[in-house]
């Protein structure tokens, strides 16, 4: 079953690790995105709420974190500076993988689980 548009997931991996998993598992319905996803962590609920109102559907949210795709990062960085909340927000870049098929997503995650068990 194809997913359109693709589902995008962020991983704390190197590009080489992502490519190795895709190659080793012969995954054909996924790809590494060209730019990293910016993960923002908000210390204050008010900052998170203000950010949600500003970006709403354009950014993905999970708990106190926002995940910003490359196309929106300049706009988000400007917003943080203009609203003087940049010092209260942690930033981290993660690699993102787009999946057009959930079978590939499951296989990718299984490989991560298996390799995390090895010394």
PDB file of N, CA and C in Angstrom:
ATOM      1  N   UNK A   1       0.834  -1.175   0.000  1.00  0.00           N
ATOM      2  CA  UNK A   1       0.000   0.000   0.000  1.00  0.00           C
ATOM      3  C   UNK A   1       0.882   1.242   0.000  1.00  0.00           C
ATOM      4  N   UNK A   2       0.713   2.089  -0.983  1.00  0.00           N
ATOM      5  CA  UNK A   2       1.480   3.328  -1.111  1.00  0.00           C
ATOM      6  C   UNK A   2       0.869   4.416  -0.243  1.00  0.00           C
ATOM      7  N   UNK A   3       1.721   5.273   0.290  1.00  0.00           N
ATOM      8  CA  UNK A   3       1.292   6.418   1.087  1.00  0.00           C
ATOM      9  C   UNK A   3       1.584   7.673   0.268  1.00  0.00           C
ATOM     10  N   UNK A   4       0.595   8.505   0.090  1.00  0.00           N
ATOM     11  CA  UNK A   4       0.805   9.737  -0.655  1.00  0.00           C
ATOM     12  C   UNK A   4       0.124  10.873   0.076  1.00  0.00           C
ATOM     13  N   UNK A   5       0.796  11.924   0.459  1.00  0.00           N
ATOM     14  CA  UNK A   5       2.239  12.100   0.367  1.00  0.00           C
ATOM     15  C   UNK A   5       2.962  11.159   1.321  1.00  0.00           C
ATOM     16  N   UNK A   6       4.269  11.039   1.155  1.00  0.00           N
ATOM     17  CA  UNK A   6       4.987  10.091   2.017  1.00  0.00           C
ATOM     18  C   UNK A   6       4.981  10.529   3.478  1.00  0.00           C
ATOM     19  N   UNK A   7       5.086   9.548   4.354  1.00  0.00           N
ATOM     20  CA  UNK A   7       5.234   9.816   5.785  1.00  0.00           C
ATOM     21  C   UNK A   7       6.716  10.074   6.048  1.00  0.00           C
ATOM     22  N   UNK A   8       7.025  11.120   6.791  1.00  0.00           N
ATOM     23  CA  UNK A   8       8.410  11.500   7.058  1.00  0.00           C
ATOM     24  C   UNK A   8       8.700  11.293   8.541  1.00  0.00           C
ATOM     25  N   UNK A   9       9.815  10.605   8.817  1.00  0.00           N
ATOM     26  CA  UNK A   9      10.229  10.327  10.190  1.00  0.00           C
ATOM     27  C   UNK A   9      11.667  10.786  10.376  1.00  0.00           C
ATOM     28  N   UNK A  10      11.972  11.357  11.538  1.00  0.00           N
ATOM     29  CA  UNK A  10      13.315  11.835  11.848  1.00  0.00           C
ATOM     30  C   UNK A  10      14.047  10.786  12.679  1.00  0.00           C
ATOM     31  N   UNK A  11      15.336  10.625  12.383  1.00  0.00           N
ATOM     32  CA  UNK A  11      16.167   9.644  13.075  1.00  0.00           C
ATOM     33  C   UNK A  11      17.478  10.288  13.503  1.00  0.00           C
ATOM     34  N   UNK A  12      17.985   9.869  14.638  1.00  0.00           N
ATOM     35  CA  UNK A  12      19.278  10.329  15.133  1.00  0.00           C
ATOM     36  C   UNK A  12      20.355   9.376  14.621  1.00  0.00           C
ATOM     37  N   UNK A  13      20.570   9.406  13.313  1.00  0.00           N
ATOM     38  CA  UNK A  13      21.522   8.539  12.631  1.00  0.00           C
ATOM     39  C   UNK A  13      22.370   9.374  11.685  1.00  0.00           C
ATOM     40  N   UNK A  14      23.455   8.787  11.218  1.00  0.00           N
ATOM     41  CA  UNK A  14      24.236   9.440  10.173  1.00  0.00           C
ATOM     42  C   UNK A  14      23.649   9.060   8.817  1.00  0.00           C
ATOM     43  N   UNK A  15      23.995   9.829   7.805  1.00  0.00           N
ATOM     44  CA  UNK A  15      23.520   9.528   6.452  1.00  0.00           C
ATOM     45  C   UNK A  15      24.005   8.142   6.018  1.00  0.00           C
ATOM     46  N   UNK A  16      25.239   7.802   6.364  1.00  0.00           N
ATOM     47  CA  UNK A  16      25.781   6.490   5.997  1.00  0.00           C
ATOM     48  C   UNK A  16      24.977   5.361   6.642  1.00  0.00           C
ATOM     49  N   UNK A  17      24.586   5.532   7.890  1.00  0.00           N
ATOM     50  CA  UNK A  17      23.788   4.502   8.567  1.00  0.00           C
ATOM     51  C   UNK A  17      22.429   4.326   7.900  1.00  0.00           C
ATOM     52  N   UNK A  18      21.789   5.430   7.537  1.00  0.00           N
ATOM     53  CA  UNK A  18      20.485   5.351   6.871  1.00  0.00           C
ATOM     54  C   UNK A  18      20.622   4.639   5.529  1.00  0.00           C
ATOM     55  N   UNK A  19      21.628   5.041   4.762  1.00  0.00           N
ATOM     56  CA  UNK A  19      21.837   4.434   3.443  1.00  0.00           C
ATOM     57  C   UNK A  19      22.151   2.952   3.573  1.00  0.00           C
ATOM     58  N   UNK A  20      22.952   2.575   4.568  1.00  0.00           N
ATOM     59  CA  UNK A  20      23.255   1.153   4.792  1.00  0.00           C
ATOM     60  C   UNK A  20      21.997   0.347   5.083  1.00  0.00           C
ATOM     61  N   UNK A  21      21.116   0.878   5.916  1.00  0.00           N
ATOM     62  CA  UNK A  21      19.877   0.159   6.242  1.00  0.00           C
ATOM     63  C   UNK A  21      19.015   0.011   4.988  1.00  0.00           C
ATOM     64  N   UNK A  22      18.867   1.070   4.240  1.00  0.00           N
ATOM     65  CA  UNK A  22      18.058   1.018   3.014  1.00  0.00           C
ATOM     66  C   UNK A  22      18.643  -0.016   2.053  1.00  0.00           C
ATOM     67  N   UNK A  23      19.960  -0.024   1.910  1.00  0.00           N
ATOM     68  CA  UNK A  23      20.620  -0.971   1.005  1.00  0.00           C
ATOM     69  C   UNK A  23      20.528  -2.404   1.521  1.00  0.00           C
ATOM     70  N   UNK A  24      20.873  -2.611   2.796  1.00  0.00           N
ATOM     71  CA  UNK A  24      20.891  -3.960   3.366  1.00  0.00           C
ATOM     72  C   UNK A  24      19.513  -4.618   3.360  1.00  0.00           C
ATOM     73  N   UNK A  25      18.482  -3.827   3.589  1.00  0.00           N
ATOM     74  CA  UNK A  25      17.114  -4.364   3.626  1.00  0.00           C
ATOM     75  C   UNK A  25      16.413  -4.308   2.262  1.00  0.00           C
ATOM     76  N   UNK A  26      17.119  -3.802   1.247  1.00  0.00           N
ATOM     77  CA  UNK A  26      16.568  -3.697  -0.117  1.00  0.00           C
ATOM     78  C   UNK A  26      15.263  -2.910  -0.132  1.00  0.00           C
ATOM     79  N   UNK A  27      15.251  -1.803   0.567  1.00  0.00           N
ATOM     80  CA  UNK A  27      14.050  -0.984   0.654  1.00  0.00           C
ATOM     81  C   UNK A  27      13.946  -0.098  -0.588  1.00  0.00           C
ATOM     82  N   UNK A  28      12.789  -0.115  -1.229  1.00  0.00           N
ATOM     83  CA  UNK A  28      12.603   0.621  -2.474  1.00  0.00           C
ATOM     84  C   UNK A  28      11.592   1.758  -2.356  1.00  0.00           C
ATOM     85  N   UNK A  29      10.861   1.798  -1.269  1.00  0.00           N
ATOM     86  CA  UNK A  29       9.802   2.791  -1.121  1.00  0.00           C
ATOM     87  C   UNK A  29      10.109   3.791  -0.017  1.00  0.00           C
ATOM     88  N   UNK A  30      11.393   4.169   0.073  1.00  0.00           N
ATOM     89  CA  UNK A  30      11.797   5.189   1.032  1.00  0.00           C
ATOM     90  C   UNK A  30      13.038   5.890   0.511  1.00  0.00           C
ATOM     91  N   UNK A  31      13.283   7.082   1.053  1.00  0.00           N
ATOM     92  CA  UNK A  31      14.493   7.798   0.678  1.00  0.00           C
ATOM     93  C   UNK A  31      14.901   8.757   1.784  1.00  0.00           C
ATOM     94  N   UNK A  32      16.202   8.995   1.854  1.00  0.00           N
ATOM     95  CA  UNK A  32      16.766   9.964   2.777  1.00  0.00           C
ATOM     96  C   UNK A  32      16.484  11.349   2.213  1.00  0.00           C
ATOM     97  N   UNK A  33      15.915  12.235   3.019  1.00  0.00           N
ATOM     98  CA  UNK A  33      15.664  13.595   2.554  1.00  0.00           C
ATOM     99  C   UNK A  33      16.982  14.347   2.420  1.00  0.00           C
ATOM    100  N   UNK A  34      17.010  15.304   1.516  1.00  0.00           N
ATOM    101  CA  UNK A  34      18.252  16.006   1.205  1.00  0.00           C
ATOM    102  C   UNK A  34      18.744  16.900   2.344  1.00  0.00           C
ATOM    103  N   UNK A  35      17.848  17.428   3.142  1.00  0.00           N
ATOM    104  CA  UNK A  35      18.251  18.294   4.246  1.00  0.00           C
ATOM    105  C   UNK A  35      17.766  17.750   5.569  1.00  0.00           C
ATOM    106  N   UNK A  36      18.446  18.112   6.659  1.00  0.00           N
ATOM    107  CA  UNK A  36      18.038  17.621   7.975  1.00  0.00           C
ATOM    108  C   UNK A  36      16.759  18.303   8.474  1.00  0.00           C
ATOM    109  N   UNK A  37      16.076  17.611   9.349  1.00  0.00           N
ATOM    110  CA  UNK A  37      14.916  18.156  10.046  1.00  0.00           C
ATOM    111  C   UNK A  37      15.438  18.833  11.309  1.00  0.00           C
ATOM    112  N   UNK A  38      14.921  20.005  11.605  1.00  0.00           N
ATOM    113  CA  UNK A  38      15.315  20.731  12.805  1.00  0.00           C
ATOM    114  C   UNK A  38      14.341  20.376  13.924  1.00  0.00           C
ATOM    115  N   UNK A  39      14.860  19.812  15.017  1.00  0.00           N
ATOM    116  CA  UNK A  39      14.029  19.476  16.167  1.00  0.00           C
ATOM    117  C   UNK A  39      14.209  20.580  17.200  1.00  0.00           C
ATOM    118  N   UNK A  40      13.102  21.187  17.592  1.00  0.00           N
ATOM    119  CA  UNK A  40      13.111  22.255  18.587  1.00  0.00           C
ATOM    120  C   UNK A  40      12.467  21.757  19.870  1.00  0.00           C
ATOM    121  N   UNK A  41      13.134  21.986  20.979  1.00  0.00           N
ATOM    122  CA  UNK A  41      12.585  21.645  22.284  1.00  0.00           C
ATOM    123  C   UNK A  41      12.239  22.917  23.039  1.00  0.00           C
ATOM    124  N   UNK A  42      11.032  23.012  23.528  1.00  0.00           N
ATOM    125  CA  UNK A  42      10.552  24.220  24.201  1.00  0.00           C
ATOM    126  C   UNK A  42      10.537  24.011  25.707  1.00  0.00           C
ATOM    127  N   UNK A  43      11.179  24.918  26.436  1.00  0.00           N
ATOM    128  CA  UNK A  43      11.218  24.837  27.896  1.00  0.00           C
ATOM    129  C   UNK A  43       9.945  25.381  28.538  1.00  0.00           C
ATOM    130  N   UNK A  44       9.313  26.350  27.859  1.00  0.00           N
ATOM    131  CA  UNK A  44       8.132  27.002  28.424  1.00  0.00           C
ATOM    132  C   UNK A  44       6.913  26.727  27.552  1.00  0.00           C
ATOM    133  N   UNK A  45       5.822  26.336  28.203  1.00  0.00           N
ATOM    134  CA  UNK A  45       4.582  26.053  27.471  1.00  0.00           C
ATOM    135  C   UNK A  45       4.096  27.262  26.673  1.00  0.00           C
ATOM    136  N   UNK A  46       4.289  28.454  27.212  1.00  0.00           N
ATOM    137  CA  UNK A  46       3.843  29.666  26.515  1.00  0.00           C
ATOM    138  C   UNK A  46       4.585  29.837  25.191  1.00  0.00           C
ATOM    139  N   UNK A  47       5.880  29.521  25.168  1.00  0.00           N
ATOM    140  CA  UNK A  47       6.651  29.614  23.929  1.00  0.00           C
ATOM    141  C   UNK A  47       6.161  28.583  22.908  1.00  0.00           C
ATOM    142  N   UNK A  48       5.911  27.388  23.384  1.00  0.00           N
ATOM    143  CA  UNK A  48       5.403  26.334  22.497  1.00  0.00           C
ATOM    144  C   UNK A  48       4.050  26.716  21.918  1.00  0.00           C
ATOM    145  N   UNK A  49       3.172  27.235  22.750  1.00  0.00           N
ATOM    146  CA  UNK A  49       1.845  27.647  22.292  1.00  0.00           C
ATOM    147  C   UNK A  49       1.933  28.774  21.260  1.00  0.00           C
ATOM    148  N   UNK A  50       2.772  29.732  21.530  1.00  0.00           N
ATOM    149  CA  UNK A  50       2.991  30.846  20.593  1.00  0.00           C
ATOM    150  C   UNK A  50       3.523  30.311  19.253  1.00  0.00           C
ATOM    151  N   UNK A  51       4.442  29.372  19.321  1.00  0.00           N
ATOM    152  CA  UNK A  51       5.009  28.765  18.115  1.00  0.00           C
ATOM    153  C   UNK A  51       3.951  27.973  17.345  1.00  0.00           C
ATOM    154  N   UNK A  52       3.127  27.231  18.078  1.00  0.00           N
ATOM    155  CA  UNK A  52       2.044  26.461  17.431  1.00  0.00           C
ATOM    156  C   UNK A  52       1.066  27.370  16.695  1.00  0.00           C
ATOM    157  N   UNK A  53       0.717  28.482  17.309  1.00  0.00           N
ATOM    158  CA  UNK A  53      -0.186  29.427  16.655  1.00  0.00           C
ATOM    159  C   UNK A  53       0.442  30.010  15.393  1.00  0.00           C
ATOM    160  N   UNK A  54       1.735  30.240  15.429  1.00  0.00           N
ATOM    161  CA  UNK A  54       2.422  30.840  14.286  1.00  0.00           C
ATOM    162  C   UNK A  54       2.588  29.863  13.125  1.00  0.00           C
ATOM    163  N   UNK A  55       2.848  28.585  13.420  1.00  0.00           N
ATOM    164  CA  UNK A  55       3.184  27.642  12.356  1.00  0.00           C
ATOM    165  C   UNK A  55       2.176  26.519  12.148  1.00  0.00           C
ATOM    166  N   UNK A  56       1.336  26.260  13.138  1.00  0.00           N
ATOM    167  CA  UNK A  56       0.254  25.296  13.019  1.00  0.00           C
ATOM    168  C   UNK A  56       0.531  24.070  12.176  1.00  0.00           C
ATOM    169  N   UNK A  57      -0.102  23.983  11.012  1.00  0.00           N
ATOM    170  CA  UNK A  57      -0.036  22.804  10.145  1.00  0.00           C
ATOM    171  C   UNK A  57       1.293  22.669   9.404  1.00  0.00           C
ATOM    172  N   UNK A  58       2.110  23.704   9.396  1.00  0.00           N
ATOM    173  CA  UNK A  58       3.359  23.676   8.632  1.00  0.00           C
ATOM    174  C   UNK A  58       4.489  22.945   9.341  1.00  0.00           C
ATOM    175  N   UNK A  59       4.288  22.621  10.606  1.00  0.00           N
ATOM    176  CA  UNK A  59       5.309  21.980  11.428  1.00  0.00           C
ATOM    177  C   UNK A  59       4.673  20.799  12.143  1.00  0.00           C
ATOM    178  N   UNK A  60       5.456  19.731  12.333  1.00  0.00           N
ATOM    179  CA  UNK A  60       4.968  18.564  13.072  1.00  0.00           C
ATOM    180  C   UNK A  60       5.340  18.718  14.542  1.00  0.00           C
ATOM    181  N   UNK A  61       4.429  18.307  15.426  1.00  0.00           N
ATOM    182  CA  UNK A  61       4.647  18.445  16.872  1.00  0.00           C
ATOM    183  C   UNK A  61       4.511  17.096  17.564  1.00  0.00           C
ATOM    184  N   UNK A  62       5.334  16.893  18.593  1.00  0.00           N
ATOM    185  CA  UNK A  62       5.230  15.723  19.463  1.00  0.00           C
ATOM    186  C   UNK A  62       5.667  16.175  20.851  1.00  0.00           C
ATOM    187  N   UNK A  63       4.743  16.115  21.790  1.00  0.00           N
ATOM    188  CA  UNK A  63       4.999  16.573  23.159  1.00  0.00           C
ATOM    189  C   UNK A  63       5.492  18.023  23.142  1.00  0.00           C
ATOM    190  N   UNK A  64       6.658  18.280  23.736  1.00  0.00           N
ATOM    191  CA  UNK A  64       7.208  19.641  23.802  1.00  0.00           C
ATOM    192  C   UNK A  64       8.174  19.931  22.656  1.00  0.00           C
ATOM    193  N   UNK A  65       8.097  19.146  21.594  1.00  0.00           N
ATOM    194  CA  UNK A  65       9.029  19.285  20.479  1.00  0.00           C
ATOM    195  C   UNK A  65       8.302  19.625  19.183  1.00  0.00           C
ATOM    196  N   UNK A  66       8.997  20.401  18.355  1.00  0.00           N
ATOM    197  CA  UNK A  66       8.522  20.712  17.012  1.00  0.00           C
ATOM    198  C   UNK A  66       9.575  20.195  16.037  1.00  0.00           C
ATOM    199  N   UNK A  67       9.102  19.639  14.925  1.00  0.00           N
ATOM    200  CA  UNK A  67       9.988  19.112  13.895  1.00  0.00           C
ATOM    201  C   UNK A  67       9.765  19.908  12.624  1.00  0.00           C
ATOM    202  N   UNK A  68      10.802  20.618  12.198  1.00  0.00           N
ATOM    203  CA  UNK A  68      10.693  21.565  11.092  1.00  0.00           C
ATOM    204  C   UNK A  68      11.443  21.019   9.878  1.00  0.00           C
ATOM    205  N   UNK A  69      10.722  20.882   8.766  1.00  0.00           N
ATOM    206  CA  UNK A  69      11.343  20.420   7.527  1.00  0.00           C
ATOM    207  C   UNK A  69      12.232  21.527   6.954  1.00  0.00           C
ATOM    208  N   UNK A  70      13.177  21.149   6.109  1.00  0.00           N
ATOM    209  CA  UNK A  70      14.139  22.126   5.575  1.00  0.00           C
ATOM    210  C   UNK A  70      13.505  23.359   4.922  1.00  0.00           C
ATOM    211  N   UNK A  71      12.400  23.211   4.266  1.00  0.00           N
ATOM    212  CA  UNK A  71      11.786  24.337   3.548  1.00  0.00           C
ATOM    213  C   UNK A  71      11.291  25.448   4.477  1.00  0.00           C
ATOM    214  N   UNK A  72      11.073  25.178   5.740  1.00  0.00           N
ATOM    215  CA  UNK A  72      10.557  26.160   6.705  1.00  0.00           C
ATOM    216  C   UNK A  72      11.595  26.659   7.703  1.00  0.00           C
ATOM    217  N   UNK A  73      12.809  26.138   7.657  1.00  0.00           N
ATOM    218  CA  UNK A  73      13.776  26.421   8.715  1.00  0.00           C
ATOM    219  C   UNK A  73      14.195  27.882   8.788  1.00  0.00           C
ATOM    220  N   UNK A  74      14.379  28.540   7.664  1.00  0.00           N
ATOM    221  CA  UNK A  74      14.757  29.957   7.703  1.00  0.00           C
ATOM    222  C   UNK A  74      13.660  30.794   8.352  1.00  0.00           C
ATOM    223  N   UNK A  75      12.426  30.501   8.001  1.00  0.00           N
ATOM    224  CA  UNK A  75      11.280  31.227   8.564  1.00  0.00           C
ATOM    225  C   UNK A  75      11.193  30.991  10.077  1.00  0.00           C
ATOM    226  N   UNK A  76      11.421  29.759  10.504  1.00  0.00           N
ATOM    227  CA  UNK A  76      11.368  29.425  11.931  1.00  0.00           C
ATOM    228  C   UNK A  76      12.493  30.107  12.690  1.00  0.00           C
ATOM    229  N   UNK A  77      13.689  30.086  12.146  1.00  0.00           N
ATOM    230  CA  UNK A  77      14.812  30.749  12.822  1.00  0.00           C
ATOM    231  C   UNK A  77      14.543  32.245  12.989  1.00  0.00           C
ATOM    232  N   UNK A  78      13.992  32.871  11.958  1.00  0.00           N
ATOM    233  CA  UNK A  78      13.641  34.296  12.039  1.00  0.00           C
ATOM    234  C   UNK A  78      12.594  34.533  13.117  1.00  0.00           C
ATOM    235  N   UNK A  79      11.604  33.666  13.190  1.00  0.00           N
ATOM    236  CA  UNK A  79      10.550  33.780  14.193  1.00  0.00           C
ATOM    237  C   UNK A  79      11.144  33.717  15.603  1.00  0.00           C
ATOM    238  N   UNK A  80      12.061  32.781  15.831  1.00  0.00           N
ATOM    239  CA  UNK A  80      12.670  32.637  17.159  1.00  0.00           C
ATOM    240  C   UNK A  80      13.443  33.888  17.555  1.00  0.00           C
ATOM    241  N   UNK A  81      14.149  34.487  16.614  1.00  0.00           N
ATOM    242  CA  UNK A  81      14.916  35.704  16.891  1.00  0.00           C
ATOM    243  C   UNK A  81      13.981  36.882  17.119  1.00  0.00           C
ATOM    244  N   UNK A  82      13.012  37.063  16.227  1.00  0.00           N
ATOM    245  CA  UNK A  82      12.090  38.204  16.326  1.00  0.00           C
ATOM    246  C   UNK A  82      11.291  38.194  17.617  1.00  0.00           C
ATOM    247  N   UNK A  83      10.944  37.017  18.101  1.00  0.00           N
ATOM    248  CA  UNK A  83      10.139  36.900  19.315  1.00  0.00           C
ATOM    249  C   UNK A  83      10.984  36.679  20.571  1.00  0.00           C
ATOM    250  N   UNK A  84      12.289  36.746  20.408  1.00  0.00           N
ATOM    251  CA  UNK A  84      13.237  36.648  21.509  1.00  0.00           C
ATOM    252  C   UNK A  84      13.040  35.407  22.381  1.00  0.00           C
ATOM    253  N   UNK A  85      12.768  34.284  21.734  1.00  0.00           N
ATOM    254  CA  UNK A  85      12.630  33.031  22.481  1.00  0.00           C
ATOM    255  C   UNK A  85      13.727  32.029  22.114  1.00  0.00           C
ATOM    256  N   UNK A  86      14.625  32.427  21.239  1.00  0.00           N
ATOM    257  CA  UNK A  86      15.683  31.533  20.782  1.00  0.00           C
ATOM    258  C   UNK A  86      16.529  30.962  21.901  1.00  0.00           C
ATOM    259  N   UNK A  87      16.782  31.736  22.936  1.00  0.00           N
ATOM    260  CA  UNK A  87      17.623  31.263  24.042  1.00  0.00           C
ATOM    261  C   UNK A  87      16.900  30.243  24.925  1.00  0.00           C
ATOM    262  N   UNK A  88      15.590  30.165  24.801  1.00  0.00           N
ATOM    263  CA  UNK A  88      14.806  29.223  25.609  1.00  0.00           C
ATOM    264  C   UNK A  88      14.425  27.971  24.830  1.00  0.00           C
ATOM    265  N   UNK A  89      14.958  27.846  23.623  1.00  0.00           N
ATOM    266  CA  UNK A  89      14.623  26.711  22.763  1.00  0.00           C
ATOM    267  C   UNK A  89      15.895  25.939  22.436  1.00  0.00           C
ATOM    268  N   UNK A  90      15.872  24.631  22.642  1.00  0.00           N
ATOM    269  CA  UNK A  90      17.010  23.800  22.248  1.00  0.00           C
ATOM    270  C   UNK A  90      16.816  23.379  20.794  1.00  0.00           C
ATOM    271  N   UNK A  91      17.918  23.249  20.080  1.00  0.00           N
ATOM    272  CA  UNK A  91      17.870  22.895  18.661  1.00  0.00           C
ATOM    273  C   UNK A  91      18.757  21.688  18.403  1.00  0.00           C
ATOM    274  N   UNK A  92      18.272  20.824  17.517  1.00  0.00           N
ATOM    275  CA  UNK A  92      19.057  19.654  17.129  1.00  0.00           C
ATOM    276  C   UNK A  92      18.652  19.265  15.716  1.00  0.00           C
ATOM    277  N   UNK A  93      19.629  18.945  14.888  1.00  0.00           N
ATOM    278  CA  UNK A  93      19.330  18.523  13.530  1.00  0.00           C
ATOM    279  C   UNK A  93      19.313  17.002  13.466  1.00  0.00           C
ATOM    280  N   UNK A  94      18.276  16.469  12.832  1.00  0.00           N
ATOM    281  CA  UNK A  94      18.115  15.031  12.664  1.00  0.00           C
ATOM    282  C   UNK A  94      17.931  14.717  11.179  1.00  0.00           C
ATOM    283  N   UNK A  95      18.385  13.546  10.780  1.00  0.00           N
ATOM    284  CA  UNK A  95      18.139  13.123   9.411  1.00  0.00           C
ATOM    285  C   UNK A  95      16.702  12.647   9.287  1.00  0.00           C
ATOM    286  N   UNK A  96      16.134  12.858   8.129  1.00  0.00           N
ATOM    287  CA  UNK A  96      14.749  12.466   7.907  1.00  0.00           C
ATOM    288  C   UNK A  96      14.664  11.490   6.743  1.00  0.00           C
ATOM    289  N   UNK A  97      13.763  10.530   6.886  1.00  0.00           N
ATOM    290  CA  UNK A  97      13.521   9.539   5.849  1.00  0.00           C
ATOM    291  C   UNK A  97      12.042   9.606   5.482  1.00  0.00           C
ATOM    292  N   UNK A  98      11.784   9.653   4.176  1.00  0.00           N
ATOM    293  CA  UNK A  98      10.408   9.641   3.666  1.00  0.00           C
ATOM    294  C   UNK A  98      10.054   8.214   3.282  1.00  0.00           C
ATOM    295  N   UNK A  99       8.890   7.764   3.743  1.00  0.00           N
ATOM    296  CA  UNK A  99       8.419   6.408   3.442  1.00  0.00           C
ATOM    297  C   UNK A  99       7.123   6.478   2.645  1.00  0.00           C
ATOM    298  N   UNK A 100       7.079   5.764   1.523  1.00  0.00           N
ATOM    299  CA  UNK A 100       5.862   5.664   0.724  1.00  0.00           C
ATOM    300  C   UNK A 100       5.138   4.353   0.999  1.00  0.00           C
ATOM    301  N   UNK A 101       5.728   3.535   1.845  1.00  0.00           N
ATOM    302  CA  UNK A 101       5.176   2.219   2.119  1.00  0.00           C
ATOM    303  C   UNK A 101       5.465   1.883   3.572  1.00  0.00           C
ATOM    304  N   UNK A 102       4.453   1.507   4.328  1.00  0.00           N
ATOM    305  CA  UNK A 102       4.659   1.215   5.748  1.00  0.00           C
ATOM    306  C   UNK A 102       5.455  -0.060   5.965  1.00  0.00           C
ATOM    307  N   UNK A 103       5.463  -0.972   4.987  1.00  0.00           N
ATOM    308  CA  UNK A 103       6.300  -2.168   5.114  1.00  0.00           C
ATOM    309  C   UNK A 103       7.780  -1.779   5.184  1.00  0.00           C
ATOM    310  N   UNK A 104       8.168  -0.786   4.382  1.00  0.00           N
ATOM    311  CA  UNK A 104       9.548  -0.313   4.438  1.00  0.00           C
ATOM    312  C   UNK A 104       9.843   0.366   5.772  1.00  0.00           C
ATOM    313  N   UNK A 105       8.898   1.088   6.302  1.00  0.00           N
ATOM    314  CA  UNK A 105       9.072   1.746   7.611  1.00  0.00           C
ATOM    315  C   UNK A 105       9.298   0.693   8.694  1.00  0.00           C
ATOM    316  N   UNK A 106       8.496  -0.351   8.671  1.00  0.00           N
ATOM    317  CA  UNK A 106       8.625  -1.425   9.659  1.00  0.00           C
ATOM    318  C   UNK A 106       9.979  -2.111   9.518  1.00  0.00           C
ATOM    319  N   UNK A 107      10.390  -2.413   8.290  1.00  0.00           N
ATOM    320  CA  UNK A 107      11.685  -3.071   8.056  1.00  0.00           C
ATOM    321  C   UNK A 107      12.842  -2.183   8.504  1.00  0.00           C
ATOM    322  N   UNK A 108      12.740  -0.889   8.234  1.00  0.00           N
ATOM    323  CA  UNK A 108      13.774   0.063   8.650  1.00  0.00           C
ATOM    324  C   UNK A 108      13.886   0.075  10.167  1.00  0.00           C
ATOM    325  N   UNK A 109      12.763   0.184  10.861  1.00  0.00           N
ATOM    326  CA  UNK A 109      12.768   0.227  12.320  1.00  0.00           C
ATOM    327  C   UNK A 109      13.228  -1.094  12.935  1.00  0.00           C
ATOM    328  N   UNK A 110      12.894  -2.214  12.296  1.00  0.00           N
ATOM    329  CA  UNK A 110      13.375  -3.508  12.783  1.00  0.00           C
ATOM    330  C   UNK A 110      14.893  -3.570  12.729  1.00  0.00           C
ATOM    331  N   UNK A 111      15.460  -3.082  11.655  1.00  0.00           N
ATOM    332  CA  UNK A 111      16.923  -3.062  11.531  1.00  0.00           C
ATOM    333  C   UNK A 111      17.556  -2.203  12.625  1.00  0.00           C
ATOM    334  N   UNK A 112      16.949  -1.088  12.936  1.00  0.00           N
ATOM    335  CA  UNK A 112      17.448  -0.234  14.031  1.00  0.00           C
ATOM    336  C   UNK A 112      17.406  -0.987  15.354  1.00  0.00           C
ATOM    337  N   UNK A 113      16.308  -1.694  15.589  1.00  0.00           N
ATOM    338  CA  UNK A 113      16.149  -2.435  16.836  1.00  0.00           C
ATOM    339  C   UNK A 113      17.202  -3.546  16.933  1.00  0.00           C
ATOM    340  N   UNK A 114      17.382  -4.281  15.858  1.00  0.00           N
ATOM    341  CA  UNK A 114      18.354  -5.387  15.851  1.00  0.00           C
ATOM    342  C   UNK A 114      19.763  -4.857  16.068  1.00  0.00           C
ATOM    343  N   UNK A 115      20.128  -3.775  15.370  1.00  0.00           N
ATOM    344  CA  UNK A 115      21.487  -3.255  15.507  1.00  0.00           C
ATOM    345  C   UNK A 115      21.709  -2.599  16.882  1.00  0.00           C
ATOM    346  N   UNK A 116      20.652  -2.136  17.535  1.00  0.00           N
ATOM    347  CA  UNK A 116      20.824  -1.550  18.866  1.00  0.00           C
ATOM    348  C   UNK A 116      21.075  -2.616  19.920  1.00  0.00           C
ATOM    349  N   UNK A 117      20.725  -3.864  19.625  1.00  0.00           N
ATOM    350  CA  UNK A 117      20.962  -4.956  20.575  1.00  0.00           C
ATOM    351  C   UNK A 117      22.380  -5.496  20.493  1.00  0.00           C
ATOM    352  N   UNK A 118      23.073  -5.217  19.393  1.00  0.00           N
ATOM    353  CA  UNK A 118      24.436  -5.745  19.206  1.00  0.00           C
ATOM    354  C   UNK A 118      25.435  -4.835  19.924  1.00  0.00           C
ATOM    355  N   UNK A 119      26.494  -5.470  20.486  1.00  0.00           N
ATOM    356  CA  UNK A 119      27.496  -4.677  21.219  1.00  0.00           C
ATOM    357  C   UNK A 119      28.318  -3.787  20.304  1.00  0.00           C
TER     358      UNK A 119
END
